Amino acid sequence: MANEEPGCKKKVMIAIDESECSHYALKWVLDHLQDFFPTSSLIIFTVQSLADFAYLSAASPVSGRMFCVATNPELIKSVQEHQRKAALALLEKAKDICATQGVVAETITEVGDPKEVICDAVEKFKINLLILGSHGRGTLKRAFLGSVSNYCVNHCKCPVLVVKKQEEKA
């Protein structure tokens, strides 16, 4: 695997968000790679997206005029704190799921554009294997929304495993 150092534990990182596909990917990892973790460490990683306040506006209670929310630092701070708490709760839930399978996991959260922050974290933490869930978006949605997993496959400096949930047959 990439980033290998002799005698060091391998590092596996799973990047998650609040989606069902991330939850599925975590369970898949625990079901299929359980034997890997006594000699490797598992890092559960999530990204707090940068909030885009440009599209928000609110009425000023004093003047009745509209102002950009970005000019209200208390509101920005409140939204950022809410995102931080949500990210920490997500990581704690994932860590608990790992613990029920006997896997001890480290949790990390950072702020930024998910695809870039994930790739930066791979380098920063010397990750040997990155695991992501696939949202299963079609070609059109991927073209407009982008694909974090596709970006990571093409830009991360380690192997990337994309876990795709199998469609249930009728």
C-alpha atoms as a PDB file:
ATOM      1  CA  MET A   1       0.000   0.000   0.000  1.00  0.00           C
ATOM      2  CA  ALA A   2       1.036   3.626  -0.472  1.00  0.00           C
ATOM      3  CA  ASN A   3       2.678   5.599   2.340  1.00  0.00           C
ATOM      4  CA  GLU A   4       4.093   2.438   3.964  1.00  0.00           C
ATOM      5  CA  GLU A   5       6.796   2.704   6.588  1.00  0.00           C
ATOM      6  CA  PRO A   6       8.459  -0.477   7.864  1.00  0.00           C
ATOM      7  CA  GLY A   7       7.231  -1.566  11.300  1.00  0.00           C
ATOM      8  CA  CYS A   8       4.388   0.957  11.372  1.00  0.00           C
ATOM      9  CA  LYS A   9       0.726   0.100  11.731  1.00  0.00           C
ATOM     10  CA  LYS A  10      -1.221   0.589   8.527  1.00  0.00           C
ATOM     11  CA  LYS A  11      -3.788   3.380   8.659  1.00  0.00           C
ATOM     12  CA  VAL A  12      -7.230   2.935   7.144  1.00  0.00           C
ATOM     13  CA  MET A  13      -9.482   5.975   6.913  1.00  0.00           C
ATOM     14  CA  ILE A  14     -13.190   5.879   6.175  1.00  0.00           C
ATOM     15  CA  ALA A  15     -14.693   9.221   5.243  1.00  0.00           C
ATOM     16  CA  ILE A  16     -18.333   9.484   6.277  1.00  0.00           C
ATOM     17  CA  ASP A  17     -21.205  11.910   6.172  1.00  0.00           C
ATOM     18  CA  GLU A  18     -24.798  11.638   7.374  1.00  0.00           C
ATOM     19  CA  SER A  19     -25.936   9.683   4.312  1.00  0.00           C
ATOM     20  CA  GLU A  20     -27.183   6.109   4.233  1.00  0.00           C
ATOM     21  CA  CYS A  21     -24.365   5.172   1.836  1.00  0.00           C
ATOM     22  CA  SER A  22     -21.757   6.235   4.412  1.00  0.00           C
ATOM     23  CA  HIS A  23     -23.474   4.188   7.098  1.00  0.00           C
ATOM     24  CA  TYR A  24     -23.546   1.214   4.722  1.00  0.00           C
ATOM     25  CA  ALA A  25     -19.848   1.654   3.874  1.00  0.00           C
ATOM     26  CA  LEU A  26     -18.914   1.676   7.571  1.00  0.00           C
ATOM     27  CA  LYS A  27     -20.889  -1.513   8.194  1.00  0.00           C
ATOM     28  CA  TRP A  28     -19.353  -3.083   5.075  1.00  0.00           C
ATOM     29  CA  VAL A  29     -15.855  -2.283   6.330  1.00  0.00           C
ATOM     30  CA  LEU A  30     -16.600  -3.793   9.736  1.00  0.00           C
ATOM     31  CA  ASP A  31     -18.121  -6.924   8.153  1.00  0.00           C
ATOM     32  CA  HIS A  32     -15.454  -7.486   5.489  1.00  0.00           C
ATOM     33  CA  LEU A  33     -12.225  -6.052   6.884  1.00  0.00           C
ATOM     34  CA  GLN A  34     -12.577  -7.033  10.561  1.00  0.00           C
ATOM     35  CA  ASP A  35      -9.453  -9.227  10.461  1.00  0.00           C
ATOM     36  CA  PHE A  36      -7.416  -6.289   9.169  1.00  0.00           C
ATOM     37  CA  PHE A  37      -7.834  -4.084  12.264  1.00  0.00           C
ATOM     38  CA  PRO A  38      -5.684  -5.872  14.846  1.00  0.00           C
ATOM     39  CA  THR A  39      -2.660  -4.814  12.758  1.00  0.00           C
ATOM     40  CA  SER A  40      -4.102  -1.564  11.431  1.00  0.00           C
ATOM     41  CA  SER A  41      -5.706   1.535  12.859  1.00  0.00           C
ATOM     42  CA  LEU A  42      -9.093   2.797  11.731  1.00  0.00           C
ATOM     43  CA  ILE A  43      -9.714   6.513  11.428  1.00  0.00           C
ATOM     44  CA  ILE A  44     -13.269   7.731  10.935  1.00  0.00           C
ATOM     45  CA  PHE A  45     -13.193  11.099   9.213  1.00  0.00           C
ATOM     46  CA  THR A  46     -15.903  13.622   8.458  1.00  0.00           C
ATOM     47  CA  VAL A  47     -15.861  17.059   6.900  1.00  0.00           C
ATOM     48  CA  GLN A  48     -17.783  20.084   8.060  1.00  0.00           C
ATOM     49  CA  SER A  49     -18.618  21.866   4.819  1.00  0.00           C
ATOM     50  CA  LEU A  50     -17.994  25.560   4.584  1.00  0.00           C
ATOM     51  CA  ALA A  51     -21.378  27.230   4.847  1.00  0.00           C
ATOM     52  CA  ASP A  52     -22.278  29.437   1.901  1.00  0.00           C
ATOM     53  CA  PHE A  53     -23.991  32.446   3.426  1.00  0.00           C
ATOM     54  CA  ALA A  54     -24.088  34.453   0.210  1.00  0.00           C
ATOM     55  CA  TYR A  55     -27.551  33.225  -0.725  1.00  0.00           C
ATOM     56  CA  LEU A  56     -29.076  34.035   2.665  1.00  0.00           C
ATOM     57  CA  SER A  57     -30.571  37.337   3.633  1.00  0.00           C
ATOM     58  CA  ALA A  58     -32.740  38.450   6.508  1.00  0.00           C
ATOM     59  CA  ALA A  59     -34.691  41.541   7.496  1.00  0.00           C
ATOM     60  CA  SER A  60     -32.929  43.824   9.909  1.00  0.00           C
ATOM     61  CA  PRO A  61     -35.176  44.318  12.949  1.00  0.00           C
ATOM     62  CA  VAL A  62     -33.951  47.908  13.365  1.00  0.00           C
ATOM     63  CA  SER A  63     -34.200  49.385   9.908  1.00  0.00           C
ATOM     64  CA  GLY A  64     -36.383  46.894   8.074  1.00  0.00           C
ATOM     65  CA  ARG A  65     -33.708  46.742   5.362  1.00  0.00           C
ATOM     66  CA  MET A  66     -32.320  43.529   3.982  1.00  0.00           C
ATOM     67  CA  PHE A  67     -28.744  42.620   4.826  1.00  0.00           C
ATOM     68  CA  CYS A  68     -26.478  39.771   3.984  1.00  0.00           C
ATOM     69  CA  VAL A  69     -26.303  37.206   6.773  1.00  0.00           C
ATOM     70  CA  ALA A  70     -22.562  37.075   6.229  1.00  0.00           C
ATOM     71  CA  THR A  71     -22.467  40.464   7.943  1.00  0.00           C
ATOM     72  CA  ASN A  72     -23.944  38.884  11.088  1.00  0.00           C
ATOM     73  CA  PRO A  73     -20.995  37.196  12.843  1.00  0.00           C
ATOM     74  CA  GLU A  74     -23.174  35.764  15.632  1.00  0.00           C
ATOM     75  CA  LEU A  75     -25.315  33.886  13.116  1.00  0.00           C
ATOM     76  CA  ILE A  76     -22.250  32.580  11.271  1.00  0.00           C
ATOM     77  CA  LYS A  77     -20.700  31.443  14.548  1.00  0.00           C
ATOM     78  CA  SER A  78     -23.960  29.755  15.545  1.00  0.00           C
ATOM     79  CA  VAL A  79     -24.207  27.852  12.240  1.00  0.00           C
ATOM     80  CA  GLN A  80     -20.564  26.786  12.457  1.00  0.00           C
ATOM     81  CA  GLU A  81     -21.016  25.582  16.033  1.00  0.00           C
ATOM     82  CA  HIS A  82     -24.111  23.615  15.000  1.00  0.00           C
ATOM     83  CA  GLN A  83     -22.125  21.985  12.163  1.00  0.00           C
ATOM     84  CA  ARG A  84     -19.302  21.128  14.564  1.00  0.00           C
ATOM     85  CA  LYS A  85     -21.691  19.524  17.066  1.00  0.00           C
ATOM     86  CA  ALA A  86     -23.441  17.560  14.297  1.00  0.00           C
ATOM     87  CA  ALA A  87     -20.067  16.307  13.000  1.00  0.00           C
ATOM     88  CA  LEU A  88     -18.948  15.236  16.477  1.00  0.00           C
ATOM     89  CA  ALA A  89     -22.263  13.434  17.085  1.00  0.00           C
ATOM     90  CA  LEU A  90     -21.914  11.631  13.734  1.00  0.00           C
ATOM     91  CA  LEU A  91     -18.372  10.549  14.596  1.00  0.00           C
ATOM     92  CA  GLU A  92     -19.405   9.380  18.066  1.00  0.00           C
ATOM     93  CA  LYS A  93     -22.205   7.261  16.597  1.00  0.00           C
ATOM     94  CA  ALA A  94     -19.790   5.714  14.086  1.00  0.00           C
ATOM     95  CA  LYS A  95     -17.239   5.067  16.824  1.00  0.00           C
ATOM     96  CA  ASP A  96     -19.936   3.307  18.883  1.00  0.00           C
ATOM     97  CA  ILE A  97     -20.853   1.115  15.895  1.00  0.00           C
ATOM     98  CA  CYS A  98     -17.190   0.132  15.598  1.00  0.00           C
ATOM     99  CA  ALA A  99     -16.966  -0.620  19.322  1.00  0.00           C
ATOM    100  CA  THR A 100     -19.893  -3.069  19.081  1.00  0.00           C
ATOM    101  CA  GLN A 101     -17.763  -4.995  16.544  1.00  0.00           C
ATOM    102  CA  GLY A 102     -14.685  -4.865  18.768  1.00  0.00           C
ATOM    103  CA  VAL A 103     -12.909  -2.277  16.622  1.00  0.00           C
ATOM    104  CA  VAL A 104     -11.327   0.740  18.283  1.00  0.00           C
ATOM    105  CA  ALA A 105     -11.486   3.767  15.999  1.00  0.00           C
ATOM    106  CA  GLU A 106     -10.026   7.246  16.109  1.00  0.00           C
ATOM    107  CA  THR A 107     -12.242  10.122  14.955  1.00  0.00           C
ATOM    108  CA  ILE A 108     -11.255  13.306  13.152  1.00  0.00           C
ATOM    109  CA  THR A 109     -13.263  16.182  11.716  1.00  0.00           C
ATOM    110  CA  GLU A 110     -12.051  19.099   9.630  1.00  0.00           C
ATOM    111  CA  VAL A 111     -13.681  22.018   7.823  1.00  0.00           C
ATOM    112  CA  GLY A 112     -13.689  22.706   4.092  1.00  0.00           C
ATOM    113  CA  ASP A 113     -14.620  21.327   0.686  1.00  0.00           C
ATOM    114  CA  PRO A 114     -15.059  17.573   1.324  1.00  0.00           C
ATOM    115  CA  LYS A 115     -13.167  16.283  -1.699  1.00  0.00           C
ATOM    116  CA  GLU A 116     -10.144  18.507  -1.089  1.00  0.00           C
ATOM    117  CA  VAL A 117     -10.111  18.100   2.701  1.00  0.00           C
ATOM    118  CA  ILE A 118     -10.285  14.291   2.404  1.00  0.00           C
ATOM    119  CA  CYS A 119      -7.344  14.194  -0.014  1.00  0.00           C
ATOM    120  CA  ASP A 120      -5.357  16.565   2.202  1.00  0.00           C
ATOM    121  CA  ALA A 121      -6.108  14.399   5.260  1.00  0.00           C
ATOM    122  CA  VAL A 122      -4.850  11.295   3.427  1.00  0.00           C
ATOM    123  CA  GLU A 123      -1.473  12.977   3.080  1.00  0.00           C
ATOM    124  CA  LYS A 124      -1.462  14.699   6.469  1.00  0.00           C
ATOM    125  CA  PHE A 125      -2.248  11.513   8.424  1.00  0.00           C
ATOM    126  CA  LYS A 126      -0.229   9.190   6.134  1.00  0.00           C
ATOM    127  CA  ILE A 127      -3.250   7.036   5.271  1.00  0.00           C
ATOM    128  CA  ASN A 128      -2.598   3.698   3.541  1.00  0.00           C
ATOM    129  CA  LEU A 129      -6.185   3.022   2.401  1.00  0.00           C
ATOM    130  CA  LEU A 130      -9.117   5.425   1.999  1.00  0.00           C
ATOM    131  CA  ILE A 131     -12.660   4.049   2.032  1.00  0.00           C
ATOM    132  CA  LEU A 132     -15.706   5.991   0.854  1.00  0.00           C
ATOM    133  CA  GLY A 133     -19.357   5.164   0.310  1.00  0.00           C
ATOM    134  CA  SER A 134     -20.867   5.762  -3.102  1.00  0.00           C
ATOM    135  CA  HIS A 135     -23.986   7.900  -3.290  1.00  0.00           C
ATOM    136  CA  GLY A 136     -24.920   6.069  -6.489  1.00  0.00           C
ATOM    137  CA  ARG A 137     -25.712   9.246  -8.389  1.00  0.00           C
ATOM    138  CA  GLY A 138     -26.344   8.984 -12.084  1.00  0.00           C
ATOM    139  CA  THR A 139     -24.197  10.641 -14.734  1.00  0.00           C
ATOM    140  CA  LEU A 140     -26.284  13.832 -14.861  1.00  0.00           C
ATOM    141  CA  LYS A 141     -26.292  14.388 -11.078  1.00  0.00           C
ATOM    142  CA  ARG A 142     -22.555  13.695 -10.917  1.00  0.00           C
ATOM    143  CA  ALA A 143     -21.970  16.273 -13.662  1.00  0.00           C
ATOM    144  CA  PHE A 144     -23.815  18.985 -11.719  1.00  0.00           C
ATOM    145  CA  LEU A 145     -23.063  18.015  -8.107  1.00  0.00           C
ATOM    146  CA  GLY A 146     -19.652  16.469  -8.573  1.00  0.00           C
ATOM    147  CA  SER A 147     -18.505  13.237  -7.043  1.00  0.00           C
ATOM    148  CA  VAL A 148     -16.354  13.219  -3.943  1.00  0.00           C
ATOM    149  CA  SER A 149     -15.444   9.567  -4.476  1.00  0.00           C
ATOM    150  CA  ASN A 150     -14.456  10.153  -8.112  1.00  0.00           C
ATOM    151  CA  TYR A 151     -12.301  13.122  -7.115  1.00  0.00           C
ATOM    152  CA  CYS A 152     -10.597  11.114  -4.369  1.00  0.00           C
ATOM    153  CA  VAL A 153      -9.956   8.145  -6.653  1.00  0.00           C
ATOM    154  CA  ASN A 154      -8.159  10.480  -9.052  1.00  0.00           C
ATOM    155  CA  HIS A 155      -6.332  12.721  -6.559  1.00  0.00           C
ATOM    156  CA  CYS A 156      -5.514  10.778  -3.375  1.00  0.00           C
ATOM    157  CA  LYS A 157      -2.023   9.399  -3.012  1.00  0.00           C
ATOM    158  CA  CYS A 158      -3.160   6.028  -1.650  1.00  0.00           C
ATOM    159  CA  PRO A 159      -5.513   3.268  -2.808  1.00  0.00           C
ATOM    160  CA  VAL A 160      -9.193   4.237  -2.587  1.00  0.00           C
ATOM    161  CA  LEU A 161     -11.982   1.719  -2.011  1.00  0.00           C
ATOM    162  CA  VAL A 162     -15.455   2.922  -2.985  1.00  0.00           C
ATOM    163  CA  VAL A 163     -18.202   0.863  -1.368  1.00  0.00           C
ATOM    164  CA  LYS A 164     -21.384   0.812  -3.394  1.00  0.00           C
ATOM    165  CA  LYS A 165     -24.592  -0.525  -1.911  1.00  0.00           C
ATOM    166  CA  GLN A 166     -26.002  -3.322  -4.025  1.00  0.00           C
ATOM    167  CA  GLU A 167     -29.493  -2.676  -5.305  1.00  0.00           C
ATOM    168  CA  GLU A 168     -32.018  -5.072  -3.891  1.00  0.00           C
ATOM    169  CA  LYS A 169     -33.604  -7.306  -6.491  1.00  0.00           C
ATOM    170  CA  ALA A 170     -37.369  -7.324  -6.748  1.00  0.00           C
END
